[in-house]
Amino acid sequence: MAFVVTDNCRRCRFTDCVSVCPVDCFYGDEGQLYINPDECIDCGACEPECPVSAIFDESALPADKKSWIAINAEKSPQCQNITQKQEPLPTAEARKKELGF
């Protein structure tokens, strides 16, 4: 099992989650973050840190988010490893508000 980043991260890319990850399993492209499932140790430290509830335990993913398991597995090896907190995207606050947070 691993944790999974979903589409709530899209256009946000808050990296609060990265700063608490003990194994540096977060990867990112220009739009969002992903978790490499082969590196995630299922500690759960990242989930409560996400200000837009984009991270879920794989076993607790809502049915409409199940496709994000494969997306994280596919995208993470193709992206840059993000190991330190960064500035969120310029669209992050508007996206956060749009999502109701």
N, C-alpha and C. Protein backbone atom coordinates (compact mmCIF):
# COMPACT_ATOMS: atom_id res chain seq x y z
N MET A 1 0.85 -1.18 0.00
CA MET A 1 0.00 0.00 0.00
C MET A 1 0.89 1.24 0.00
N ALA A 2 0.31 2.31 -0.49
CA ALA A 2 1.01 3.59 -0.52
C ALA A 2 -0.01 4.70 -0.42
N PHE A 3 0.47 5.89 -0.25
CA PHE A 3 -0.40 7.05 -0.31
C PHE A 3 -0.41 7.55 -1.74
N VAL A 4 -1.46 8.26 -2.10
CA VAL A 4 -1.70 8.66 -3.48
C VAL A 4 -2.08 10.14 -3.52
N VAL A 5 -1.47 10.88 -4.45
CA VAL A 5 -1.86 12.27 -4.67
C VAL A 5 -2.92 12.28 -5.77
N THR A 6 -3.99 13.02 -5.54
CA THR A 6 -5.10 13.08 -6.50
C THR A 6 -5.16 14.45 -7.18
N ASP A 7 -6.18 14.64 -7.97
CA ASP A 7 -6.33 15.85 -8.77
C ASP A 7 -6.57 17.12 -7.97
N ASN A 8 -6.84 17.03 -6.67
CA ASN A 8 -6.95 18.25 -5.88
C ASN A 8 -5.62 19.01 -5.86
N CYS A 9 -4.53 18.31 -6.11
CA CYS A 9 -3.21 18.94 -6.14
C CYS A 9 -3.01 19.76 -7.41
N ARG A 10 -3.73 19.41 -8.45
CA ARG A 10 -3.57 20.08 -9.75
C ARG A 10 -3.82 21.58 -9.59
N ARG A 11 -2.92 22.36 -10.12
CA ARG A 11 -2.93 23.83 -10.09
C ARG A 11 -2.66 24.40 -8.70
N CYS A 12 -2.24 23.54 -7.77
CA CYS A 12 -1.88 23.99 -6.42
C CYS A 12 -0.38 23.79 -6.18
N ARG A 13 -0.03 22.53 -6.08
CA ARG A 13 1.34 22.11 -5.79
C ARG A 13 1.87 22.71 -4.50
N PHE A 14 1.02 22.68 -3.47
CA PHE A 14 1.52 23.01 -2.15
C PHE A 14 2.51 21.89 -1.80
N THR A 15 3.58 22.21 -1.14
CA THR A 15 4.58 21.18 -0.84
C THR A 15 4.77 20.96 0.66
N ASP A 16 3.76 21.29 1.44
CA ASP A 16 3.82 21.04 2.88
C ASP A 16 4.08 19.55 3.14
N CYS A 17 3.50 18.70 2.31
CA CYS A 17 3.63 17.25 2.43
C CYS A 17 5.08 16.79 2.25
N VAL A 18 5.78 17.43 1.34
CA VAL A 18 7.16 17.06 1.04
C VAL A 18 8.05 17.25 2.26
N SER A 19 7.80 18.32 3.00
CA SER A 19 8.68 18.66 4.13
C SER A 19 8.60 17.65 5.27
N VAL A 20 7.56 16.82 5.32
CA VAL A 20 7.44 15.82 6.39
C VAL A 20 7.71 14.39 5.92
N CYS A 21 7.96 14.21 4.64
CA CYS A 21 8.17 12.86 4.10
C CYS A 21 9.57 12.35 4.48
N PRO A 22 9.63 11.24 5.22
CA PRO A 22 10.94 10.73 5.65
C PRO A 22 11.74 10.02 4.56
N VAL A 23 11.10 9.71 3.43
CA VAL A 23 11.80 8.95 2.39
C VAL A 23 11.87 9.66 1.04
N ASP A 24 11.47 10.92 0.98
CA ASP A 24 11.57 11.71 -0.26
C ASP A 24 10.92 11.02 -1.46
N CYS A 25 9.67 10.59 -1.29
CA CYS A 25 8.99 9.86 -2.37
C CYS A 25 8.08 10.74 -3.22
N PHE A 26 8.19 12.07 -3.06
CA PHE A 26 7.37 12.99 -3.86
C PHE A 26 8.10 13.44 -5.12
N TYR A 27 7.34 13.49 -6.19
CA TYR A 27 7.85 13.93 -7.49
C TYR A 27 6.86 14.93 -8.05
N GLY A 28 7.33 15.83 -8.89
CA GLY A 28 6.43 16.84 -9.40
C GLY A 28 6.71 17.25 -10.82
N ASP A 29 5.65 17.65 -11.50
CA ASP A 29 5.77 18.27 -12.81
C ASP A 29 5.29 19.72 -12.67
N GLU A 30 5.06 20.39 -13.76
CA GLU A 30 4.67 21.79 -13.70
C GLU A 30 3.28 22.01 -13.09
N GLY A 31 2.48 20.97 -12.97
CA GLY A 31 1.11 21.13 -12.49
C GLY A 31 0.78 20.58 -11.13
N GLN A 32 1.50 19.53 -10.69
CA GLN A 32 1.15 18.91 -9.42
C GLN A 32 2.23 17.96 -8.95
N LEU A 33 1.99 17.36 -7.78
CA LEU A 33 2.89 16.38 -7.20
C LEU A 33 2.34 14.97 -7.38
N TYR A 34 3.24 13.98 -7.24
CA TYR A 34 2.89 12.57 -7.31
C TYR A 34 3.72 11.84 -6.26
N ILE A 35 3.24 10.71 -5.79
CA ILE A 35 3.98 9.87 -4.86
C ILE A 35 4.40 8.60 -5.60
N ASN A 36 5.68 8.27 -5.48
CA ASN A 36 6.17 7.03 -6.07
C ASN A 36 5.78 5.89 -5.13
N PRO A 37 4.90 4.99 -5.58
CA PRO A 37 4.41 3.93 -4.69
C PRO A 37 5.49 2.93 -4.28
N ASP A 38 6.56 2.83 -5.07
CA ASP A 38 7.65 1.91 -4.72
C ASP A 38 8.55 2.48 -3.63
N GLU A 39 8.45 3.79 -3.40
CA GLU A 39 9.29 4.44 -2.39
C GLU A 39 8.51 4.79 -1.13
N CYS A 40 7.20 4.96 -1.25
CA CYS A 40 6.36 5.34 -0.10
C CYS A 40 6.37 4.22 0.94
N ILE A 41 6.58 4.60 2.20
CA ILE A 41 6.61 3.59 3.28
C ILE A 41 5.29 3.56 4.05
N ASP A 42 4.28 4.26 3.54
CA ASP A 42 2.94 4.21 4.12
C ASP A 42 2.89 4.74 5.55
N CYS A 43 3.71 5.76 5.81
CA CYS A 43 3.75 6.30 7.18
C CYS A 43 2.58 7.25 7.47
N GLY A 44 2.04 7.87 6.43
CA GLY A 44 0.90 8.75 6.60
C GLY A 44 1.21 10.16 7.06
N ALA A 45 2.47 10.51 7.20
CA ALA A 45 2.83 11.85 7.68
C ALA A 45 2.36 12.95 6.72
N CYS A 46 2.30 12.66 5.45
CA CYS A 46 1.96 13.66 4.43
C CYS A 46 0.48 14.03 4.39
N GLU A 47 -0.37 13.07 4.62
CA GLU A 47 -1.81 13.28 4.43
C GLU A 47 -2.37 14.49 5.19
N PRO A 48 -2.13 14.61 6.50
CA PRO A 48 -2.72 15.75 7.21
C PRO A 48 -2.07 17.10 6.86
N GLU A 49 -0.93 17.08 6.20
CA GLU A 49 -0.23 18.33 5.86
C GLU A 49 -0.79 19.00 4.61
N CYS A 50 -1.52 18.27 3.80
CA CYS A 50 -2.03 18.82 2.54
C CYS A 50 -3.20 19.77 2.80
N PRO A 51 -3.06 21.04 2.42
CA PRO A 51 -4.13 22.01 2.70
C PRO A 51 -5.35 21.89 1.79
N VAL A 52 -5.29 20.98 0.79
CA VAL A 52 -6.43 20.81 -0.12
C VAL A 52 -6.91 19.35 -0.16
N SER A 53 -6.52 18.56 0.83
CA SER A 53 -6.94 17.15 0.94
C SER A 53 -6.75 16.39 -0.37
N ALA A 54 -5.55 16.50 -0.93
CA ALA A 54 -5.25 15.82 -2.19
C ALA A 54 -4.63 14.45 -1.98
N ILE A 55 -4.24 14.12 -0.76
CA ILE A 55 -3.51 12.88 -0.48
C ILE A 55 -4.41 11.92 0.29
N PHE A 56 -4.42 10.67 -0.20
CA PHE A 56 -5.23 9.62 0.43
C PHE A 56 -4.41 8.36 0.60
N ASP A 57 -4.71 7.61 1.64
CA ASP A 57 -4.22 6.25 1.76
C ASP A 57 -4.86 5.49 0.60
N GLU A 58 -4.10 4.71 -0.08
CA GLU A 58 -4.62 3.96 -1.24
C GLU A 58 -5.88 3.17 -0.88
N SER A 59 -5.93 2.60 0.30
CA SER A 59 -7.08 1.80 0.70
C SER A 59 -8.32 2.65 1.00
N ALA A 60 -8.15 3.95 1.16
CA ALA A 60 -9.26 4.84 1.49
C ALA A 60 -9.63 5.78 0.34
N LEU A 61 -9.08 5.54 -0.83
CA LEU A 61 -9.40 6.38 -1.98
C LEU A 61 -10.87 6.29 -2.35
N PRO A 62 -11.53 7.42 -2.56
CA PRO A 62 -12.91 7.37 -3.06
C PRO A 62 -12.92 6.68 -4.43
N ALA A 63 -14.02 6.05 -4.75
CA ALA A 63 -14.13 5.29 -6.00
C ALA A 63 -13.78 6.13 -7.23
N ASP A 64 -14.18 7.40 -7.23
CA ASP A 64 -13.92 8.24 -8.39
C ASP A 64 -12.46 8.72 -8.48
N LYS A 65 -11.64 8.33 -7.52
CA LYS A 65 -10.21 8.71 -7.51
C LYS A 65 -9.28 7.53 -7.71
N LYS A 66 -9.81 6.33 -7.90
CA LYS A 66 -8.99 5.12 -8.02
C LYS A 66 -7.98 5.18 -9.16
N SER A 67 -8.29 5.90 -10.22
CA SER A 67 -7.37 6.00 -11.36
C SER A 67 -6.06 6.68 -10.98
N TRP A 68 -6.07 7.42 -9.87
CA TRP A 68 -4.86 8.13 -9.44
C TRP A 68 -3.78 7.19 -8.91
N ILE A 69 -4.12 5.96 -8.58
CA ILE A 69 -3.11 4.98 -8.19
C ILE A 69 -2.17 4.76 -9.37
N ALA A 70 -2.72 4.48 -10.53
CA ALA A 70 -1.91 4.24 -11.74
C ALA A 70 -1.22 5.52 -12.21
N ILE A 71 -1.90 6.64 -12.09
CA ILE A 71 -1.30 7.91 -12.53
C ILE A 71 -0.06 8.22 -11.71
N ASN A 72 -0.12 8.05 -10.38
CA ASN A 72 1.06 8.29 -9.54
C ASN A 72 2.19 7.33 -9.91
N ALA A 73 1.87 6.07 -10.12
CA ALA A 73 2.88 5.08 -10.47
C ALA A 73 3.53 5.39 -11.82
N GLU A 74 2.74 5.88 -12.75
CA GLU A 74 3.24 6.19 -14.09
C GLU A 74 4.03 7.50 -14.12
N LYS A 75 3.48 8.53 -13.49
CA LYS A 75 4.08 9.86 -13.59
C LYS A 75 5.30 10.06 -12.70
N SER A 76 5.30 9.51 -11.49
CA SER A 76 6.40 9.81 -10.56
C SER A 76 7.79 9.49 -11.11
N PRO A 77 8.01 8.37 -11.80
CA PRO A 77 9.35 8.11 -12.32
C PRO A 77 9.77 9.08 -13.45
N GLN A 78 8.81 9.75 -14.04
CA GLN A 78 9.10 10.67 -15.14
C GLN A 78 9.37 12.10 -14.67
N CYS A 79 9.14 12.36 -13.39
CA CYS A 79 9.20 13.72 -12.86
C CYS A 79 10.41 13.93 -11.96
N GLN A 80 10.63 15.20 -11.63
CA GLN A 80 11.72 15.59 -10.74
C GLN A 80 11.36 15.24 -9.30
N ASN A 81 12.33 14.69 -8.58
CA ASN A 81 12.15 14.40 -7.16
C ASN A 81 12.12 15.73 -6.40
N ILE A 82 11.06 15.92 -5.62
CA ILE A 82 10.89 17.14 -4.83
C ILE A 82 11.16 16.77 -3.38
N THR A 83 12.23 17.32 -2.82
CA THR A 83 12.65 16.92 -1.47
C THR A 83 12.58 18.05 -0.45
N GLN A 84 12.26 19.26 -0.91
CA GLN A 84 12.15 20.40 0.00
C GLN A 84 10.92 21.21 -0.34
N LYS A 85 10.40 21.89 0.67
CA LYS A 85 9.24 22.74 0.48
C LYS A 85 9.57 23.83 -0.54
N GLN A 86 8.62 24.08 -1.43
CA GLN A 86 8.76 25.09 -2.47
C GLN A 86 7.54 26.01 -2.43
N GLU A 87 7.63 27.10 -3.15
CA GLU A 87 6.48 27.99 -3.28
C GLU A 87 5.38 27.26 -4.06
N PRO A 88 4.13 27.40 -3.65
CA PRO A 88 3.05 26.79 -4.43
C PRO A 88 2.91 27.52 -5.76
N LEU A 89 2.14 26.95 -6.65
CA LEU A 89 1.90 27.58 -7.95
C LEU A 89 1.16 28.89 -7.76
N PRO A 90 1.30 29.83 -8.69
CA PRO A 90 0.58 31.10 -8.59
C PRO A 90 -0.94 30.93 -8.54
N THR A 91 -1.43 29.82 -9.04
CA THR A 91 -2.87 29.54 -9.06
C THR A 91 -3.35 28.81 -7.80
N ALA A 92 -2.45 28.55 -6.86
CA ALA A 92 -2.77 27.70 -5.70
C ALA A 92 -3.88 28.25 -4.81
N GLU A 93 -3.82 29.50 -4.46
CA GLU A 93 -4.83 30.03 -3.55
C GLU A 93 -6.22 30.06 -4.20
N ALA A 94 -6.27 30.40 -5.50
CA ALA A 94 -7.55 30.41 -6.20
C ALA A 94 -8.11 28.98 -6.29
N ARG A 95 -7.23 28.02 -6.55
CA ARG A 95 -7.64 26.61 -6.64
C ARG A 95 -8.12 26.11 -5.27
N LYS A 96 -7.41 26.49 -4.23
CA LYS A 96 -7.79 26.09 -2.88
C LYS A 96 -9.19 26.61 -2.56
N LYS A 97 -9.45 27.83 -2.91
CA LYS A 97 -10.78 28.44 -2.68
C LYS A 97 -11.84 27.71 -3.53
N GLU A 98 -11.50 27.42 -4.78
CA GLU A 98 -12.41 26.70 -5.69
C GLU A 98 -12.79 25.33 -5.12
N LEU A 99 -11.82 24.68 -4.45
CA LEU A 99 -12.07 23.38 -3.85
C LEU A 99 -12.80 23.45 -2.52
N GLY A 100 -12.98 24.66 -1.99
CA GLY A 100 -13.73 24.84 -0.77
C GLY A 100 -12.91 24.79 0.50
N PHE A 101 -11.63 25.04 0.39
CA PHE A 101 -10.75 25.01 1.58
C PHE A 101 -10.31 26.41 1.95
